[in-house]
Amino acid sequence: MRNDLDPLILDLLEWIDREPRSYAEVIEAWRTSCPRLTVWEDCVDRGLATREHVPGREVSVKLTDSGRDFLRERGRTIRNRRSTAPEMKAS
C-alpha cells in the first residue's frame, strides 16, 4: 500500500471531518488530473471515506470508522464525531 500520499489523505480526511461536505464540493476541491496524485481515489479505495446517498438530498461524503481510526492513529484531531451507528439514548 502506498504511503507517500498519507499526508495528503490525512489533510483530506480532516477537511471532510470539519463540517458536512457534499460530494460535489469534495470533488471540486480534491480531484486532480494527475495520475500520480490520486488522493480522493485512494481515500475511497482504502475505505477511509464514503459517499452517502440520501433520496432528495445532495450526495454527501463522510468518514468511515476506518477513516476516523486512520486520523486518530496518526495523531490527528477528530473534530466531527459523526457515527455510522445509530445513537443510543440513555434511559
N, C-alpha and C. Protein backbone atom coordinates (compact mmCIF):
# COMPACT_ATOMS: atom_id res chain seq x y z
N MET A 1 0.84 -1.17 0.00
CA MET A 1 0.00 0.00 0.00
C MET A 1 0.89 1.25 0.00
N ARG A 2 0.55 2.21 -0.84
CA ARG A 2 1.34 3.44 -0.94
C ARG A 2 1.16 4.29 0.30
N ASN A 3 2.26 4.77 0.84
CA ASN A 3 2.22 5.65 1.99
C ASN A 3 2.64 7.07 1.64
N ASP A 4 3.10 7.30 0.41
CA ASP A 4 3.58 8.62 0.04
C ASP A 4 2.45 9.65 -0.02
N LEU A 5 1.22 9.21 -0.16
CA LEU A 5 0.09 10.13 -0.18
C LEU A 5 -0.56 10.30 1.20
N ASP A 6 -0.08 9.57 2.20
CA ASP A 6 -0.70 9.63 3.52
C ASP A 6 -0.86 11.05 4.07
N PRO A 7 0.15 11.93 3.96
CA PRO A 7 -0.05 13.29 4.48
C PRO A 7 -1.22 14.02 3.81
N LEU A 8 -1.36 13.85 2.49
CA LEU A 8 -2.48 14.48 1.79
C LEU A 8 -3.80 13.81 2.13
N ILE A 9 -3.79 12.51 2.29
CA ILE A 9 -5.01 11.79 2.67
C ILE A 9 -5.45 12.25 4.07
N LEU A 10 -4.50 12.42 4.97
CA LEU A 10 -4.83 12.93 6.30
C LEU A 10 -5.44 14.32 6.22
N ASP A 11 -4.88 15.18 5.37
CA ASP A 11 -5.44 16.52 5.19
C ASP A 11 -6.87 16.44 4.66
N LEU A 12 -7.10 15.57 3.69
CA LEU A 12 -8.44 15.40 3.12
C LEU A 12 -9.42 14.91 4.18
N LEU A 13 -9.03 13.91 4.95
CA LEU A 13 -9.92 13.38 5.98
C LEU A 13 -10.25 14.44 7.04
N GLU A 14 -9.27 15.20 7.46
CA GLU A 14 -9.52 16.27 8.42
C GLU A 14 -10.47 17.31 7.84
N TRP A 15 -10.29 17.64 6.58
CA TRP A 15 -11.13 18.64 5.92
C TRP A 15 -12.57 18.15 5.84
N ILE A 16 -12.76 16.88 5.48
CA ILE A 16 -14.10 16.30 5.42
C ILE A 16 -14.73 16.30 6.81
N ASP A 17 -13.94 16.02 7.82
CA ASP A 17 -14.44 15.88 9.18
C ASP A 17 -14.82 17.21 9.83
N ARG A 18 -14.30 18.31 9.33
CA ARG A 18 -14.57 19.62 9.95
C ARG A 18 -16.04 20.02 9.88
N GLU A 19 -16.69 19.70 8.77
CA GLU A 19 -18.10 20.08 8.59
C GLU A 19 -18.68 19.21 7.49
N PRO A 20 -20.00 19.13 7.42
CA PRO A 20 -20.61 18.31 6.35
C PRO A 20 -20.14 18.80 4.98
N ARG A 21 -19.82 17.84 4.12
CA ARG A 21 -19.32 18.17 2.77
C ARG A 21 -20.15 17.42 1.73
N SER A 22 -20.52 18.12 0.69
CA SER A 22 -21.20 17.45 -0.42
C SER A 22 -20.14 16.79 -1.30
N TYR A 23 -20.58 15.77 -2.02
CA TYR A 23 -19.68 15.08 -2.95
C TYR A 23 -19.13 16.08 -3.97
N ALA A 24 -20.01 16.96 -4.47
CA ALA A 24 -19.58 17.95 -5.46
C ALA A 24 -18.49 18.86 -4.89
N GLU A 25 -18.63 19.26 -3.64
CA GLU A 25 -17.63 20.12 -3.01
C GLU A 25 -16.29 19.38 -2.85
N VAL A 26 -16.35 18.12 -2.45
CA VAL A 26 -15.13 17.32 -2.27
C VAL A 26 -14.42 17.15 -3.60
N ILE A 27 -15.16 16.79 -4.63
CA ILE A 27 -14.55 16.57 -5.94
C ILE A 27 -13.98 17.87 -6.50
N GLU A 28 -14.68 18.96 -6.32
CA GLU A 28 -14.20 20.26 -6.79
C GLU A 28 -12.87 20.62 -6.13
N ALA A 29 -12.75 20.34 -4.85
CA ALA A 29 -11.55 20.72 -4.11
C ALA A 29 -10.40 19.72 -4.24
N TRP A 30 -10.71 18.42 -4.40
CA TRP A 30 -9.67 17.40 -4.28
C TRP A 30 -9.41 16.59 -5.55
N ARG A 31 -10.21 16.71 -6.56
CA ARG A 31 -9.95 15.95 -7.79
C ARG A 31 -8.74 16.53 -8.50
N THR A 32 -8.02 15.66 -9.14
CA THR A 32 -6.85 16.10 -9.91
C THR A 32 -6.77 15.28 -11.19
N SER A 33 -6.18 15.86 -12.19
CA SER A 33 -5.98 15.12 -13.44
C SER A 33 -4.62 14.43 -13.47
N CYS A 34 -3.86 14.60 -12.42
CA CYS A 34 -2.54 13.97 -12.35
C CYS A 34 -2.67 12.51 -11.94
N PRO A 35 -2.26 11.57 -12.78
CA PRO A 35 -2.42 10.16 -12.45
C PRO A 35 -1.58 9.70 -11.27
N ARG A 36 -0.62 10.51 -10.85
CA ARG A 36 0.21 10.15 -9.71
C ARG A 36 -0.29 10.75 -8.40
N LEU A 37 -1.29 11.60 -8.47
CA LEU A 37 -1.82 12.26 -7.27
C LEU A 37 -3.30 11.90 -7.13
N THR A 38 -3.54 10.74 -6.58
CA THR A 38 -4.89 10.17 -6.53
C THR A 38 -5.43 10.18 -5.10
N VAL A 39 -5.39 11.31 -4.45
CA VAL A 39 -5.76 11.41 -3.03
C VAL A 39 -7.20 10.95 -2.80
N TRP A 40 -8.16 11.54 -3.51
CA TRP A 40 -9.55 11.18 -3.33
C TRP A 40 -9.78 9.69 -3.63
N GLU A 41 -9.27 9.23 -4.74
CA GLU A 41 -9.47 7.84 -5.15
C GLU A 41 -8.86 6.87 -4.14
N ASP A 42 -7.65 7.18 -3.67
CA ASP A 42 -7.00 6.32 -2.68
C ASP A 42 -7.78 6.31 -1.37
N CYS A 43 -8.28 7.45 -0.99
CA CYS A 43 -9.05 7.57 0.24
C CYS A 43 -10.29 6.65 0.18
N VAL A 44 -10.99 6.68 -0.92
CA VAL A 44 -12.18 5.83 -1.08
C VAL A 44 -11.79 4.36 -1.23
N ASP A 45 -10.78 4.08 -2.04
CA ASP A 45 -10.32 2.69 -2.25
C ASP A 45 -9.87 2.05 -0.94
N ARG A 46 -9.29 2.83 -0.06
CA ARG A 46 -8.81 2.31 1.22
C ARG A 46 -9.92 2.26 2.28
N GLY A 47 -11.13 2.68 1.91
CA GLY A 47 -12.26 2.60 2.83
C GLY A 47 -12.23 3.64 3.94
N LEU A 48 -11.59 4.79 3.68
CA LEU A 48 -11.46 5.82 4.70
C LEU A 48 -12.59 6.85 4.65
N ALA A 49 -13.23 6.96 3.50
CA ALA A 49 -14.37 7.87 3.32
C ALA A 49 -15.36 7.19 2.39
N THR A 50 -16.59 7.64 2.47
CA THR A 50 -17.63 7.04 1.63
C THR A 50 -18.63 8.11 1.21
N ARG A 51 -19.28 7.84 0.10
CA ARG A 51 -20.38 8.70 -0.36
C ARG A 51 -21.66 8.19 0.27
N GLU A 52 -22.50 9.11 0.71
CA GLU A 52 -23.78 8.75 1.30
C GLU A 52 -24.90 9.31 0.42
N HIS A 53 -25.75 8.42 -0.07
CA HIS A 53 -26.85 8.82 -0.93
C HIS A 53 -28.13 8.86 -0.10
N VAL A 54 -28.73 10.03 0.01
CA VAL A 54 -29.99 10.19 0.72
C VAL A 54 -30.99 10.75 -0.29
N PRO A 55 -32.08 10.02 -0.56
CA PRO A 55 -33.05 10.50 -1.54
C PRO A 55 -33.52 11.93 -1.24
N GLY A 56 -33.54 12.75 -2.27
CA GLY A 56 -34.00 14.12 -2.13
C GLY A 56 -32.95 15.09 -1.62
N ARG A 57 -31.74 14.62 -1.39
CA ARG A 57 -30.67 15.49 -0.90
C ARG A 57 -29.42 15.28 -1.73
N GLU A 58 -28.49 16.23 -1.60
CA GLU A 58 -27.21 16.11 -2.28
C GLU A 58 -26.44 14.91 -1.74
N VAL A 59 -25.68 14.27 -2.59
CA VAL A 59 -24.80 13.19 -2.14
C VAL A 59 -23.75 13.83 -1.24
N SER A 60 -23.54 13.22 -0.07
CA SER A 60 -22.55 13.76 0.86
C SER A 60 -21.39 12.78 1.03
N VAL A 61 -20.32 13.27 1.61
CA VAL A 61 -19.14 12.46 1.86
C VAL A 61 -18.91 12.44 3.36
N LYS A 62 -18.66 11.25 3.89
CA LYS A 62 -18.43 11.09 5.33
C LYS A 62 -17.25 10.17 5.56
N LEU A 63 -16.62 10.35 6.70
CA LEU A 63 -15.56 9.44 7.10
C LEU A 63 -16.17 8.12 7.53
N THR A 64 -15.46 7.06 7.29
CA THR A 64 -15.84 5.76 7.81
C THR A 64 -15.18 5.60 9.18
N ASP A 65 -15.53 4.54 9.88
CA ASP A 65 -14.83 4.25 11.13
C ASP A 65 -13.34 4.09 10.87
N SER A 66 -12.99 3.45 9.76
CA SER A 66 -11.57 3.29 9.40
C SER A 66 -10.90 4.63 9.16
N GLY A 67 -11.63 5.57 8.57
CA GLY A 67 -11.09 6.91 8.34
C GLY A 67 -10.82 7.64 9.65
N ARG A 68 -11.75 7.53 10.59
CA ARG A 68 -11.54 8.15 11.90
C ARG A 68 -10.35 7.48 12.62
N ASP A 69 -10.27 6.16 12.53
CA ASP A 69 -9.14 5.44 13.13
C ASP A 69 -7.82 5.87 12.51
N PHE A 70 -7.81 6.03 11.18
CA PHE A 70 -6.61 6.45 10.45
C PHE A 70 -6.13 7.80 10.98
N LEU A 71 -7.06 8.74 11.17
CA LEU A 71 -6.70 10.05 11.72
C LEU A 71 -6.16 9.91 13.14
N ARG A 72 -6.90 9.22 13.97
CA ARG A 72 -6.55 9.07 15.38
C ARG A 72 -5.17 8.42 15.55
N GLU A 73 -4.93 7.34 14.79
CA GLU A 73 -3.67 6.60 14.90
C GLU A 73 -2.46 7.43 14.47
N ARG A 74 -2.69 8.45 13.70
CA ARG A 74 -1.60 9.30 13.23
C ARG A 74 -1.57 10.65 13.96
N GLY A 75 -2.27 10.71 15.10
CA GLY A 75 -2.21 11.89 15.95
C GLY A 75 -2.99 13.08 15.48
N ARG A 76 -3.91 12.88 14.56
CA ARG A 76 -4.73 13.98 14.07
C ARG A 76 -6.01 14.09 14.91
N THR A 77 -6.55 15.28 14.97
CA THR A 77 -7.74 15.53 15.77
C THR A 77 -8.99 15.14 15.01
N ILE A 78 -9.89 14.47 15.71
CA ILE A 78 -11.20 14.15 15.16
C ILE A 78 -12.13 15.24 15.65
N ARG A 79 -12.64 16.06 14.74
CA ARG A 79 -13.49 17.19 15.13
C ARG A 79 -14.97 16.83 15.15
N ASN A 80 -15.42 16.19 14.12
CA ASN A 80 -16.84 15.89 13.98
C ASN A 80 -17.04 14.42 14.30
N ARG A 81 -17.61 14.13 15.41
CA ARG A 81 -17.71 12.75 15.88
C ARG A 81 -18.96 12.06 15.37
N ARG A 82 -19.27 12.29 14.09
CA ARG A 82 -20.40 11.59 13.48
C ARG A 82 -20.15 10.10 13.51
N SER A 83 -21.18 9.37 13.77
CA SER A 83 -21.05 7.93 13.84
C SER A 83 -21.91 7.30 12.76
N THR A 84 -21.46 6.18 12.24
CA THR A 84 -22.25 5.47 11.25
C THR A 84 -23.29 4.60 11.95
N ALA A 85 -23.13 4.39 13.27
CA ALA A 85 -24.08 3.60 14.04
C ALA A 85 -25.12 4.50 14.66
N PRO A 86 -26.36 4.01 14.82
CA PRO A 86 -27.39 4.84 15.46
C PRO A 86 -27.00 5.14 16.90
N GLU A 87 -27.35 6.34 17.35
CA GLU A 87 -27.05 6.71 18.71
C GLU A 87 -27.99 6.04 19.68
N MET A 88 -27.46 5.66 20.82
CA MET A 88 -28.25 5.04 21.86
C MET A 88 -28.64 6.13 22.86
N LYS A 89 -29.88 6.14 23.27
CA LYS A 89 -30.34 7.12 24.25
C LYS A 89 -30.26 6.51 25.64
N ALA A 90 -29.82 7.34 26.58
CA ALA A 90 -29.74 6.87 27.97
C ALA A 90 -31.14 6.81 28.55
N SER A 91 -31.38 5.78 29.38
CA SER A 91 -32.71 5.69 29.98
C SER A 91 -32.74 6.28 31.36
